[in-house]
């Protein structure tokens, strides 16, 4: 019953677009594209969304998603490890932590969206974390041979103390397959909550270019508030760009009505289009103190001028600052009084 229902839903898109046009629910800029390119854009993305609903594991195997966002880096073992090291170091640099082993000693960490390897988790454990939960929406860690080669590479390049810590957690069986102690490294994936993690047991939560793909961002913030100890900290980098879902200009993906965007993207991990102010609002709502909030990249003024000239009503719903932010990096601390329950 599920497949026919979804097919009916997507076939109905064109009719919905016509109704939306009549009721001025779709912007004039969007409707300019309707005759051909916009129709193909909608159809392509609806089909992708439907396929991810029906057979996500098959699509993941066929697409072989990267853990870095760059296929060339992902295929080069040395470059892939270096990328993960840079991400790991970025978290602590942003937190102004100079002694990483002392900071991580005995800590429990959540890494949201590790991608197709657990390299960053290996680094957390090597530098003293007691336990790392790797949480993802889809089961992307499938190439165990690659993870084995990454582990071997880390054991070659890490300082002696960190090599010793990591070697206590990972091992290789008689067939050479990598194994790890699940009491220290736990990989979980599901579409919704941080299941298997008890309330107020986590010291640090990190992610890199992941939060923008979370379909229900508020639920994730609620879960982070539930699992983090009072005083625990988070560091997140988010890319607020179109992720190849723009049509003509980098910002026109913001003009697609929310109902249509959901039909196109709800099952794919596509950008949720949340802007800077929404992240700030969720941090306040769930009792997080913002430590630092940095806009790391802006859209060009030309891009902003084009979209606001074409769709002047965009300024009515999205602030100039929100329109301009292309990527952000922020850290926050859970307040002593903060708890998601009862809110």
C-alpha atoms as a PDB file:
ATOM      1  CA  UNK A   1       0.000   0.000   0.000  1.00  0.00           C
ATOM      2  CA  UNK A   2       2.901   2.339   0.695  1.00  0.00           C
ATOM      3  CA  UNK A   3       4.286   2.462  -2.856  1.00  0.00           C
ATOM      4  CA  UNK A   4       1.023   3.272  -4.684  1.00  0.00           C
ATOM      5  CA  UNK A   5       0.250   5.928  -2.095  1.00  0.00           C
ATOM      6  CA  UNK A   6       3.581   7.615  -2.658  1.00  0.00           C
ATOM      7  CA  UNK A   7       3.240   7.409  -6.417  1.00  0.00           C
ATOM      8  CA  UNK A   8      -0.157   9.069  -6.236  1.00  0.00           C
ATOM      9  CA  UNK A   9       1.354  11.751  -4.033  1.00  0.00           C
ATOM     10  CA  UNK A  10       4.092  12.595  -6.507  1.00  0.00           C
ATOM     11  CA  UNK A  11       1.880  12.392  -9.579  1.00  0.00           C
ATOM     12  CA  UNK A  12      -0.365  14.927  -7.854  1.00  0.00           C
ATOM     13  CA  UNK A  13       2.455  17.471  -7.658  1.00  0.00           C
ATOM     14  CA  UNK A  14       1.621  19.109 -10.983  1.00  0.00           C
ATOM     15  CA  UNK A  15      -2.002  19.555  -9.996  1.00  0.00           C
ATOM     16  CA  UNK A  16      -0.919  21.004  -6.673  1.00  0.00           C
ATOM     17  CA  UNK A  17       1.401  23.400  -8.457  1.00  0.00           C
ATOM     18  CA  UNK A  18      -1.466  24.633 -10.594  1.00  0.00           C
ATOM     19  CA  UNK A  19      -3.645  25.128  -7.515  1.00  0.00           C
ATOM     20  CA  UNK A  20      -0.766  26.899  -5.783  1.00  0.00           C
ATOM     21  CA  UNK A  21      -0.294  29.185  -8.769  1.00  0.00           C
ATOM     22  CA  UNK A  22      -3.985  30.092  -8.766  1.00  0.00           C
ATOM     23  CA  UNK A  23      -3.820  30.865  -5.045  1.00  0.00           C
ATOM     24  CA  UNK A  24      -0.440  32.680  -5.337  1.00  0.00           C
ATOM     25  CA  UNK A  25       1.210  30.144  -3.007  1.00  0.00           C
ATOM     26  CA  UNK A  26       4.203  29.803  -5.317  1.00  0.00           C
ATOM     27  CA  UNK A  27       6.324  32.859  -6.018  1.00  0.00           C
ATOM     28  CA  UNK A  28       6.316  34.481  -9.450  1.00  0.00           C
ATOM     29  CA  UNK A  29      10.010  33.741  -9.692  1.00  0.00           C
ATOM     30  CA  UNK A  30       9.341  30.054  -9.162  1.00  0.00           C
ATOM     31  CA  UNK A  31       6.501  29.992 -11.656  1.00  0.00           C
ATOM     32  CA  UNK A  32       8.718  31.555 -14.336  1.00  0.00           C
ATOM     33  CA  UNK A  33      10.489  28.189 -14.400  1.00  0.00           C
ATOM     34  CA  UNK A  34       7.369  26.015 -14.515  1.00  0.00           C
ATOM     35  CA  UNK A  35       7.077  25.377 -18.288  1.00  0.00           C
ATOM     36  CA  UNK A  36      10.093  23.058 -18.448  1.00  0.00           C
ATOM     37  CA  UNK A  37      13.086  23.480 -16.159  1.00  0.00           C
ATOM     38  CA  UNK A  38      11.057  23.875 -12.976  1.00  0.00           C
ATOM     39  CA  UNK A  39       8.888  20.889 -13.875  1.00  0.00           C
ATOM     40  CA  UNK A  40      11.994  18.736 -14.440  1.00  0.00           C
ATOM     41  CA  UNK A  41      13.550  20.032 -11.206  1.00  0.00           C
ATOM     42  CA  UNK A  42      10.432  19.086  -9.224  1.00  0.00           C
ATOM     43  CA  UNK A  43      10.012  15.719 -10.940  1.00  0.00           C
ATOM     44  CA  UNK A  44      13.664  14.718 -10.494  1.00  0.00           C
ATOM     45  CA  UNK A  45      13.684  15.554  -6.798  1.00  0.00           C
ATOM     46  CA  UNK A  46      10.317  13.921  -6.127  1.00  0.00           C
ATOM     47  CA  UNK A  47      11.554  10.707  -7.728  1.00  0.00           C
ATOM     48  CA  UNK A  48      14.748  10.796  -5.660  1.00  0.00           C
ATOM     49  CA  UNK A  49      12.711  11.322  -2.519  1.00  0.00           C
ATOM     50  CA  UNK A  50      10.358   8.456  -3.351  1.00  0.00           C
ATOM     51  CA  UNK A  51      13.256   6.092  -4.040  1.00  0.00           C
ATOM     52  CA  UNK A  52      14.863   6.920  -0.703  1.00  0.00           C
ATOM     53  CA  UNK A  53      11.575   6.111   1.005  1.00  0.00           C
ATOM     54  CA  UNK A  54      11.074   2.800  -0.796  1.00  0.00           C
ATOM     55  CA  UNK A  55      14.614   1.397  -0.933  1.00  0.00           C
ATOM     56  CA  UNK A  56      17.068   3.537   1.066  1.00  0.00           C
ATOM     57  CA  UNK A  57      19.689   0.798   1.565  1.00  0.00           C
ATOM     58  CA  UNK A  58      19.863   0.075  -2.153  1.00  0.00           C
ATOM     59  CA  UNK A  59      20.239   3.758  -3.003  1.00  0.00           C
ATOM     60  CA  UNK A  60      22.988   4.156  -0.402  1.00  0.00           C
ATOM     61  CA  UNK A  61      24.891   1.182  -1.844  1.00  0.00           C
ATOM     62  CA  UNK A  62      24.551   2.549  -5.369  1.00  0.00           C
ATOM     63  CA  UNK A  63      25.454   6.142  -4.525  1.00  0.00           C
ATOM     64  CA  UNK A  64      28.211   5.280  -2.051  1.00  0.00           C
ATOM     65  CA  UNK A  65      27.926   8.563  -0.108  1.00  0.00           C
ATOM     66  CA  UNK A  66      31.180  10.164   0.963  1.00  0.00           C
ATOM     67  CA  UNK A  67      32.168  11.083   4.467  1.00  0.00           C
ATOM     68  CA  UNK A  68      33.857  14.301   3.354  1.00  0.00           C
ATOM     69  CA  UNK A  69      31.560  15.712   0.683  1.00  0.00           C
ATOM     70  CA  UNK A  70      34.426  15.398  -1.813  1.00  0.00           C
ATOM     71  CA  UNK A  71      34.796  12.182  -3.781  1.00  0.00           C
ATOM     72  CA  UNK A  72      38.478  12.829  -4.547  1.00  0.00           C
ATOM     73  CA  UNK A  73      39.331  13.219  -0.844  1.00  0.00           C
ATOM     74  CA  UNK A  74      37.184  10.245   0.067  1.00  0.00           C
ATOM     75  CA  UNK A  75      39.034   7.947  -2.347  1.00  0.00           C
ATOM     76  CA  UNK A  76      42.481   9.020  -1.127  1.00  0.00           C
ATOM     77  CA  UNK A  77      43.191   7.350   2.212  1.00  0.00           C
ATOM     78  CA  UNK A  78      45.814   9.891   3.287  1.00  0.00           C
ATOM     79  CA  UNK A  79      43.616  12.848   2.314  1.00  0.00           C
ATOM     80  CA  UNK A  80      40.589  11.304   4.018  1.00  0.00           C
ATOM     81  CA  UNK A  81      42.456  10.803   7.292  1.00  0.00           C
ATOM     82  CA  UNK A  82      43.872  14.343   7.085  1.00  0.00           C
ATOM     83  CA  UNK A  83      40.361  15.729   6.523  1.00  0.00           C
ATOM     84  CA  UNK A  84      39.083  13.953   9.643  1.00  0.00           C
ATOM     85  CA  UNK A  85      42.057  15.171  11.670  1.00  0.00           C
ATOM     86  CA  UNK A  86      41.302  18.738  10.568  1.00  0.00           C
ATOM     87  CA  UNK A  87      37.644  18.388  11.598  1.00  0.00           C
ATOM     88  CA  UNK A  88      38.645  16.921  14.961  1.00  0.00           C
ATOM     89  CA  UNK A  89      41.111  19.735  15.624  1.00  0.00           C
ATOM     90  CA  UNK A  90      38.605  22.372  14.492  1.00  0.00           C
ATOM     91  CA  UNK A  91      36.225  21.422  17.300  1.00  0.00           C
ATOM     92  CA  UNK A  92      38.827  22.012  19.987  1.00  0.00           C
ATOM     93  CA  UNK A  93      40.283  25.096  18.365  1.00  0.00           C
ATOM     94  CA  UNK A  94      36.797  26.650  18.361  1.00  0.00           C
ATOM     95  CA  UNK A  95      36.348  25.687  22.022  1.00  0.00           C
ATOM     96  CA  UNK A  96      39.785  27.168  22.784  1.00  0.00           C
ATOM     97  CA  UNK A  97      40.899  23.825  24.270  1.00  0.00           C
ATOM     98  CA  UNK A  98      44.683  23.533  24.327  1.00  0.00           C
ATOM     99  CA  UNK A  99      45.105  20.225  26.186  1.00  0.00           C
ATOM    100  CA  UNK A 100      42.830  17.847  24.276  1.00  0.00           C
ATOM    101  CA  UNK A 101      43.678  14.647  26.253  1.00  0.00           C
ATOM    102  CA  UNK A 102      42.971  16.409  29.556  1.00  0.00           C
ATOM    103  CA  UNK A 103      39.689  17.782  28.217  1.00  0.00           C
ATOM    104  CA  UNK A 104      38.525  14.412  26.834  1.00  0.00           C
ATOM    105  CA  UNK A 105      39.693  12.201  29.683  1.00  0.00           C
ATOM    106  CA  UNK A 106      36.791   9.958  30.731  1.00  0.00           C
ATOM    107  CA  UNK A 107      34.275  11.906  28.621  1.00  0.00           C
ATOM    108  CA  UNK A 108      31.293  10.562  26.655  1.00  0.00           C
ATOM    109  CA  UNK A 109      30.909  12.035  23.175  1.00  0.00           C
ATOM    110  CA  UNK A 110      28.196  12.009  20.527  1.00  0.00           C
ATOM    111  CA  UNK A 111      29.264  12.527  16.927  1.00  0.00           C
ATOM    112  CA  UNK A 112      26.216  13.273  14.783  1.00  0.00           C
ATOM    113  CA  UNK A 113      26.600  12.235  11.152  1.00  0.00           C
ATOM    114  CA  UNK A 114      29.993  10.513  10.983  1.00  0.00           C
ATOM    115  CA  UNK A 115      29.474   9.669   7.312  1.00  0.00           C
ATOM    116  CA  UNK A 116      30.910   6.467   5.863  1.00  0.00           C
ATOM    117  CA  UNK A 117      33.811   6.125   8.314  1.00  0.00           C
ATOM    118  CA  UNK A 118      34.312   6.393  12.076  1.00  0.00           C
ATOM    119  CA  UNK A 119      37.662   8.159  11.769  1.00  0.00           C
ATOM    120  CA  UNK A 120      36.736  11.100  14.004  1.00  0.00           C
ATOM    121  CA  UNK A 121      35.387   8.679  16.626  1.00  0.00           C
ATOM    122  CA  UNK A 122      38.719   6.820  16.538  1.00  0.00           C
ATOM    123  CA  UNK A 123      40.467  10.135  17.214  1.00  0.00           C
ATOM    124  CA  UNK A 124      38.192  10.978  20.143  1.00  0.00           C
ATOM    125  CA  UNK A 125      38.954   7.585  21.685  1.00  0.00           C
ATOM    126  CA  UNK A 126      42.666   7.850  20.972  1.00  0.00           C
ATOM    127  CA  UNK A 127      42.802  11.178  22.778  1.00  0.00           C
ATOM    128  CA  UNK A 128      41.091   9.929  25.910  1.00  0.00           C
ATOM    129  CA  UNK A 129      37.316   9.842  25.471  1.00  0.00           C
ATOM    130  CA  UNK A 130      35.729   7.002  27.419  1.00  0.00           C
ATOM    131  CA  UNK A 131      32.907   6.367  24.951  1.00  0.00           C
ATOM    132  CA  UNK A 132      31.766   7.695  21.582  1.00  0.00           C
ATOM    133  CA  UNK A 133      28.288   7.322  20.129  1.00  0.00           C
ATOM    134  CA  UNK A 134      28.210   7.746  16.348  1.00  0.00           C
ATOM    135  CA  UNK A 135      24.675   8.618  15.306  1.00  0.00           C
ATOM    136  CA  UNK A 136      23.406   8.780  11.729  1.00  0.00           C
ATOM    137  CA  UNK A 137      20.053   8.781   9.997  1.00  0.00           C
ATOM    138  CA  UNK A 138      21.186   6.214   7.419  1.00  0.00           C
ATOM    139  CA  UNK A 139      23.552   3.219   7.849  1.00  0.00           C
ATOM    140  CA  UNK A 140      26.464   4.704   5.908  1.00  0.00           C
ATOM    141  CA  UNK A 141      29.319   2.865   7.667  1.00  0.00           C
ATOM    142  CA  UNK A 142      29.311  -0.230   5.464  1.00  0.00           C
ATOM    143  CA  UNK A 143      32.807  -0.409   3.947  1.00  0.00           C
ATOM    144  CA  UNK A 144      34.655  -2.120   6.789  1.00  0.00           C
ATOM    145  CA  UNK A 145      37.749  -2.600   4.630  1.00  0.00           C
ATOM    146  CA  UNK A 146      38.090   1.175   4.337  1.00  0.00           C
ATOM    147  CA  UNK A 147      37.608   1.624   8.078  1.00  0.00           C
ATOM    148  CA  UNK A 148      40.255  -1.040   8.653  1.00  0.00           C
ATOM    149  CA  UNK A 149      42.770   0.800   6.449  1.00  0.00           C
ATOM    150  CA  UNK A 150      41.978   4.070   8.214  1.00  0.00           C
ATOM    151  CA  UNK A 151      42.544   2.448  11.608  1.00  0.00           C
ATOM    152  CA  UNK A 152      45.880   1.020  10.463  1.00  0.00           C
ATOM    153  CA  UNK A 153      46.889   4.433   9.134  1.00  0.00           C
ATOM    154  CA  UNK A 154      45.988   6.117  12.429  1.00  0.00           C
ATOM    155  CA  UNK A 155      47.979   3.563  14.390  1.00  0.00           C
ATOM    156  CA  UNK A 156      50.974   4.450  12.197  1.00  0.00           C
ATOM    157  CA  UNK A 157      50.782   8.227  12.585  1.00  0.00           C
ATOM    158  CA  UNK A 158      49.379   8.856  16.069  1.00  0.00           C
ATOM    159  CA  UNK A 159      51.716   9.748  18.976  1.00  0.00           C
ATOM    160  CA  UNK A 160      52.624   6.813  21.224  1.00  0.00           C
ATOM    161  CA  UNK A 161      50.110   7.587  23.982  1.00  0.00           C
ATOM    162  CA  UNK A 162      47.210   7.990  21.552  1.00  0.00           C
ATOM    163  CA  UNK A 163      48.267   4.884  19.592  1.00  0.00           C
ATOM    164  CA  UNK A 164      48.196   2.862  22.801  1.00  0.00           C
ATOM    165  CA  UNK A 165      44.723   4.157  23.739  1.00  0.00           C
ATOM    166  CA  UNK A 166      43.288   3.333  20.324  1.00  0.00           C
ATOM    167  CA  UNK A 167      44.909  -0.111  20.141  1.00  0.00           C
ATOM    168  CA  UNK A 168      43.073  -1.105  23.321  1.00  0.00           C
ATOM    169  CA  UNK A 169      39.725  -0.471  21.631  1.00  0.00           C
ATOM    170  CA  UNK A 170      40.199  -1.794  18.095  1.00  0.00           C
ATOM    171  CA  UNK A 171      41.455  -5.181  16.961  1.00  0.00           C
ATOM    172  CA  UNK A 172      41.658  -7.348  13.859  1.00  0.00           C
ATOM    173  CA  UNK A 173      40.343 -10.899  13.736  1.00  0.00           C
ATOM    174  CA  UNK A 174      41.934 -13.880  11.996  1.00  0.00           C
ATOM    175  CA  UNK A 175      40.485 -12.745   8.654  1.00  0.00           C
ATOM    176  CA  UNK A 176      41.883  -9.262   9.127  1.00  0.00           C
ATOM    177  CA  UNK A 177      38.473  -7.677   9.669  1.00  0.00           C
ATOM    178  CA  UNK A 178      38.434  -4.698  11.996  1.00  0.00           C
ATOM    179  CA  UNK A 179      36.508  -4.975  15.243  1.00  0.00           C
ATOM    180  CA  UNK A 180      35.971  -2.490  18.040  1.00  0.00           C
ATOM    181  CA  UNK A 181      34.847  -2.628  21.626  1.00  0.00           C
ATOM    182  CA  UNK A 182      31.183  -1.576  21.595  1.00  0.00           C
ATOM    183  CA  UNK A 183      31.414  -0.431  25.194  1.00  0.00           C
ATOM    184  CA  UNK A 184      33.634   2.371  23.879  1.00  0.00           C
ATOM    185  CA  UNK A 185      32.427   2.903  20.308  1.00  0.00           C
ATOM    186  CA  UNK A 186      28.736   2.514  19.553  1.00  0.00           C
ATOM    187  CA  UNK A 187      27.332   3.108  16.054  1.00  0.00           C
ATOM    188  CA  UNK A 188      23.603   3.693  15.851  1.00  0.00           C
ATOM    189  CA  UNK A 189      21.326   4.842  13.079  1.00  0.00           C
ATOM    190  CA  UNK A 190      17.633   5.565  12.863  1.00  0.00           C
ATOM    191  CA  UNK A 191      15.420   8.282  11.506  1.00  0.00           C
ATOM    192  CA  UNK A 192      14.491   9.963  14.725  1.00  0.00           C
ATOM    193  CA  UNK A 193      15.891   9.893  18.254  1.00  0.00           C
ATOM    194  CA  UNK A 194      19.210   9.276  19.962  1.00  0.00           C
ATOM    195  CA  UNK A 195      17.971   5.955  21.264  1.00  0.00           C
ATOM    196  CA  UNK A 196      20.244   3.888  23.513  1.00  0.00           C
ATOM    197  CA  UNK A 197      21.665   7.029  25.135  1.00  0.00           C
ATOM    198  CA  UNK A 198      20.513   7.693  28.678  1.00  0.00           C
ATOM    199  CA  UNK A 199      19.458  11.084  30.025  1.00  0.00           C
ATOM    200  CA  UNK A 200      22.208  13.498  31.050  1.00  0.00           C
ATOM    201  CA  UNK A 201      25.159  11.174  30.368  1.00  0.00           C
ATOM    202  CA  UNK A 202      26.948  13.000  27.536  1.00  0.00           C
ATOM    203  CA  UNK A 203      29.765  15.548  27.917  1.00  0.00           C
ATOM    204  CA  UNK A 204      30.303  16.673  24.316  1.00  0.00           C
ATOM    205  CA  UNK A 205      28.251  16.675  21.093  1.00  0.00           C
ATOM    206  CA  UNK A 206      29.796  17.506  17.713  1.00  0.00           C
ATOM    207  CA  UNK A 207      28.856  17.548  14.054  1.00  0.00           C
ATOM    208  CA  UNK A 208      30.331  18.832  10.812  1.00  0.00           C
ATOM    209  CA  UNK A 209      28.087  19.760   7.872  1.00  0.00           C
ATOM    210  CA  UNK A 210      25.277  17.592   9.237  1.00  0.00           C
ATOM    211  CA  UNK A 211      22.619  19.655  11.044  1.00  0.00           C
ATOM    212  CA  UNK A 212      21.429  21.205   7.794  1.00  0.00           C
ATOM    213  CA  UNK A 213      20.387  17.714   6.654  1.00  0.00           C
ATOM    214  CA  UNK A 214      18.267  16.910   9.730  1.00  0.00           C
ATOM    215  CA  UNK A 215      14.599  16.819   8.764  1.00  0.00           C
ATOM    216  CA  UNK A 216      13.323  17.613  12.270  1.00  0.00           C
ATOM    217  CA  UNK A 217      15.896  19.962  13.720  1.00  0.00           C
ATOM    218  CA  UNK A 218      13.875  20.766  16.829  1.00  0.00           C
ATOM    219  CA  UNK A 219      13.578  17.099  17.755  1.00  0.00           C
ATOM    220  CA  UNK A 220      17.348  16.743  17.494  1.00  0.00           C
ATOM    221  CA  UNK A 221      17.936  19.742  19.770  1.00  0.00           C
ATOM    222  CA  UNK A 222      15.427  18.273  22.215  1.00  0.00           C
ATOM    223  CA  UNK A 223      17.334  14.977  22.181  1.00  0.00           C
ATOM    224  CA  UNK A 224      20.673  16.715  22.635  1.00  0.00           C
ATOM    225  CA  UNK A 225      19.249  18.589  25.629  1.00  0.00           C
ATOM    226  CA  UNK A 226      17.950  15.311  27.058  1.00  0.00           C
ATOM    227  CA  UNK A 227      21.202  13.382  26.720  1.00  0.00           C
ATOM    228  CA  UNK A 228      23.706  16.104  27.650  1.00  0.00           C
ATOM    229  CA  UNK A 229      24.796  16.684  31.231  1.00  0.00           C
ATOM    230  CA  UNK A 230      24.368  20.155  32.700  1.00  0.00           C
ATOM    231  CA  UNK A 231      27.552  21.981  31.743  1.00  0.00           C
ATOM    232  CA  UNK A 232      28.179  19.750  28.708  1.00  0.00           C
ATOM    233  CA  UNK A 233      29.167  21.514  25.488  1.00  0.00           C
ATOM    234  CA  UNK A 234      28.441  21.177  21.781  1.00  0.00           C
ATOM    235  CA  UNK A 235      30.232  22.303  18.631  1.00  0.00           C
ATOM    236  CA  UNK A 236      28.496  22.266  15.253  1.00  0.00           C
ATOM    237  CA  UNK A 237      29.439  23.432  11.776  1.00  0.00           C
ATOM    238  CA  UNK A 238      26.527  23.738   9.343  1.00  0.00           C
ATOM    239  CA  UNK A 239      26.418  24.487   5.624  1.00  0.00           C
ATOM    240  CA  UNK A 240      23.288  26.557   4.880  1.00  0.00           C
ATOM    241  CA  UNK A 241      23.791  26.524   1.127  1.00  0.00           C
ATOM    242  CA  UNK A 242      21.604  24.821  -1.494  1.00  0.00           C
ATOM    243  CA  UNK A 243      23.604  21.557  -1.752  1.00  0.00           C
ATOM    244  CA  UNK A 244      22.977  21.386  -5.524  1.00  0.00           C
ATOM    245  CA  UNK A 245      19.250  21.979  -5.033  1.00  0.00           C
ATOM    246  CA  UNK A 246      19.327  25.488  -6.468  1.00  0.00           C
ATOM    247  CA  UNK A 247      17.629  26.125  -9.795  1.00  0.00           C
ATOM    248  CA  UNK A 248      19.195  29.220 -11.357  1.00  0.00           C
ATOM    249  CA  UNK A 249      20.828  31.102  -8.510  1.00  0.00           C
ATOM    250  CA  UNK A 250      22.322  29.896  -5.198  1.00  0.00           C
ATOM    251  CA  UNK A 251      19.450  31.308  -3.127  1.00  0.00           C
ATOM    252  CA  UNK A 252      16.401  30.403  -5.172  1.00  0.00           C
ATOM    253  CA  UNK A 253      15.978  27.127  -3.257  1.00  0.00           C
ATOM    254  CA  UNK A 254      14.598  29.288  -0.430  1.00  0.00           C
ATOM    255  CA  UNK A 255      11.646  30.315  -2.609  1.00  0.00           C
ATOM    256  CA  UNK A 256      10.149  26.816  -2.914  1.00  0.00           C
ATOM    257  CA  UNK A 257       7.022  26.565  -0.684  1.00  0.00           C
ATOM    258  CA  UNK A 258       7.530  24.412   2.406  1.00  0.00           C
ATOM    259  CA  UNK A 259       4.800  21.914   1.452  1.00  0.00           C
ATOM    260  CA  UNK A 260       6.466  21.298  -1.911  1.00  0.00           C
ATOM    261  CA  UNK A 261       9.947  21.166  -0.407  1.00  0.00           C
ATOM    262  CA  UNK A 262       8.829  18.369   1.920  1.00  0.00           C
ATOM    263  CA  UNK A 263       7.415  16.344  -0.968  1.00  0.00           C
ATOM    264  CA  UNK A 264      10.754  16.756  -2.747  1.00  0.00           C
ATOM    265  CA  UNK A 265      13.153  16.112   0.116  1.00  0.00           C
ATOM    266  CA  UNK A 266      11.578  14.681   3.300  1.00  0.00           C
ATOM    267  CA  UNK A 267      13.194  11.210   3.053  1.00  0.00           C
ATOM    268  CA  UNK A 268      16.555  12.149   1.531  1.00  0.00           C
ATOM    269  CA  UNK A 269      18.543  14.039   4.111  1.00  0.00           C
ATOM    270  CA  UNK A 270      18.399  17.092   1.835  1.00  0.00           C
ATOM    271  CA  UNK A 271      18.869  20.589   3.304  1.00  0.00           C
ATOM    272  CA  UNK A 272      16.163  21.563   5.797  1.00  0.00           C
ATOM    273  CA  UNK A 273      16.677  25.270   4.864  1.00  0.00           C
ATOM    274  CA  UNK A 274      16.873  26.327   8.523  1.00  0.00           C
ATOM    275  CA  UNK A 275      18.599  29.706   8.811  1.00  0.00           C
ATOM    276  CA  UNK A 276      20.939  31.179  11.401  1.00  0.00           C
ATOM    277  CA  UNK A 277      18.147  32.664  13.529  1.00  0.00           C
ATOM    278  CA  UNK A 278      16.420  29.270  13.796  1.00  0.00           C
ATOM    279  CA  UNK A 279      19.553  27.693  15.276  1.00  0.00           C
ATOM    280  CA  UNK A 280      19.822  30.558  17.760  1.00  0.00           C
ATOM    281  CA  UNK A 281      16.160  30.180  18.693  1.00  0.00           C
ATOM    282  CA  UNK A 282      16.497  26.426  19.317  1.00  0.00           C
ATOM    283  CA  UNK A 283      19.569  26.965  21.485  1.00  0.00           C
ATOM    284  CA  UNK A 284      17.643  29.425  23.642  1.00  0.00           C
ATOM    285  CA  UNK A 285      14.526  27.280  23.759  1.00  0.00           C
ATOM    286  CA  UNK A 286      16.389  24.243  25.061  1.00  0.00           C
ATOM    287  CA  UNK A 287      18.441  26.167  27.628  1.00  0.00           C
ATOM    288  CA  UNK A 288      21.810  26.312  25.927  1.00  0.00           C
ATOM    289  CA  UNK A 289      24.176  29.203  26.541  1.00  0.00           C
ATOM    290  CA  UNK A 290      25.782  30.277  23.271  1.00  0.00           C
ATOM    291  CA  UNK A 291      29.551  30.395  23.729  1.00  0.00           C
ATOM    292  CA  UNK A 292      30.486  31.432  20.198  1.00  0.00           C
ATOM    293  CA  UNK A 293      28.462  31.861  17.019  1.00  0.00           C
ATOM    294  CA  UNK A 294      30.391  32.605  13.857  1.00  0.00           C
ATOM    295  CA  UNK A 295      29.230  33.065  10.274  1.00  0.00           C
ATOM    296  CA  UNK A 296      32.041  31.380   8.354  1.00  0.00           C
ATOM    297  CA  UNK A 297      30.800  32.156   4.841  1.00  0.00           C
ATOM    298  CA  UNK A 298      28.289  34.527   3.237  1.00  0.00           C
ATOM    299  CA  UNK A 299      26.417  34.447  -0.030  1.00  0.00           C
ATOM    300  CA  UNK A 300      27.641  37.159  -2.367  1.00  0.00           C
ATOM    301  CA  UNK A 301      25.810  40.459  -2.396  1.00  0.00           C
ATOM    302  CA  UNK A 302      25.066  39.825  -6.083  1.00  0.00           C
ATOM    303  CA  UNK A 303      23.276  36.573  -5.211  1.00  0.00           C
ATOM    304  CA  UNK A 304      21.302  38.352  -2.481  1.00  0.00           C
ATOM    305  CA  UNK A 305      20.356  41.256  -4.754  1.00  0.00           C
ATOM    306  CA  UNK A 306      19.180  38.912  -7.516  1.00  0.00           C
ATOM    307  CA  UNK A 307      16.886  36.868  -5.302  1.00  0.00           C
ATOM    308  CA  UNK A 308      15.447  39.804  -3.354  1.00  0.00           C
ATOM    309  CA  UNK A 309      14.777  41.713  -6.586  1.00  0.00           C
ATOM    310  CA  UNK A 310      13.000  38.717  -8.078  1.00  0.00           C
ATOM    311  CA  UNK A 311      11.183  37.795  -4.856  1.00  0.00           C
ATOM    312  CA  UNK A 312      10.848  40.961  -2.743  1.00  0.00           C
ATOM    313  CA  UNK A 313       8.419  39.193  -0.391  1.00  0.00           C
ATOM    314  CA  UNK A 314      11.283  36.976   0.748  1.00  0.00           C
ATOM    315  CA  UNK A 315      12.418  39.854   2.969  1.00  0.00           C
ATOM    316  CA  UNK A 316       9.072  39.645   4.765  1.00  0.00           C
ATOM    317  CA  UNK A 317       9.780  36.159   6.077  1.00  0.00           C
ATOM    318  CA  UNK A 318      13.592  35.945   6.078  1.00  0.00           C
ATOM    319  CA  UNK A 319      15.888  38.599   7.525  1.00  0.00           C
ATOM    320  CA  UNK A 320      18.778  40.052   5.525  1.00  0.00           C
ATOM    321  CA  UNK A 321      21.214  38.356   7.908  1.00  0.00           C
ATOM    322  CA  UNK A 322      19.516  34.973   7.478  1.00  0.00           C
ATOM    323  CA  UNK A 323      19.512  35.337   3.706  1.00  0.00           C
ATOM    324  CA  UNK A 324      23.207  36.213   3.643  1.00  0.00           C
ATOM    325  CA  UNK A 325      24.516  33.330   5.855  1.00  0.00           C
ATOM    326  CA  UNK A 326      25.918  30.443   3.863  1.00  0.00           C
ATOM    327  CA  UNK A 327      27.733  28.544   6.648  1.00  0.00           C
ATOM    328  CA  UNK A 328      27.947  28.789  10.422  1.00  0.00           C
ATOM    329  CA  UNK A 329      30.053  27.417  13.264  1.00  0.00           C
ATOM    330  CA  UNK A 330      28.800  27.611  16.827  1.00  0.00           C
ATOM    331  CA  UNK A 331      29.432  26.263  20.307  1.00  0.00           C
ATOM    332  CA  UNK A 332      27.086  26.195  23.295  1.00  0.00           C
ATOM    333  CA  UNK A 333      26.884  24.932  26.856  1.00  0.00           C
ATOM    334  CA  UNK A 334      23.878  23.276  28.473  1.00  0.00           C
ATOM    335  CA  UNK A 335      22.771  25.361  31.424  1.00  0.00           C
ATOM    336  CA  UNK A 336      22.292  23.821  34.853  1.00  0.00           C
ATOM    337  CA  UNK A 337      18.551  24.501  34.711  1.00  0.00           C
ATOM    338  CA  UNK A 338      18.209  23.261  31.146  1.00  0.00           C
ATOM    339  CA  UNK A 339      16.145  20.194  30.473  1.00  0.00           C
ATOM    340  CA  UNK A 340      13.858  19.419  27.555  1.00  0.00           C
ATOM    341  CA  UNK A 341      11.142  17.763  29.563  1.00  0.00           C
ATOM    342  CA  UNK A 342       7.925  19.581  30.169  1.00  0.00           C
ATOM    343  CA  UNK A 343       8.564  22.292  27.609  1.00  0.00           C
END
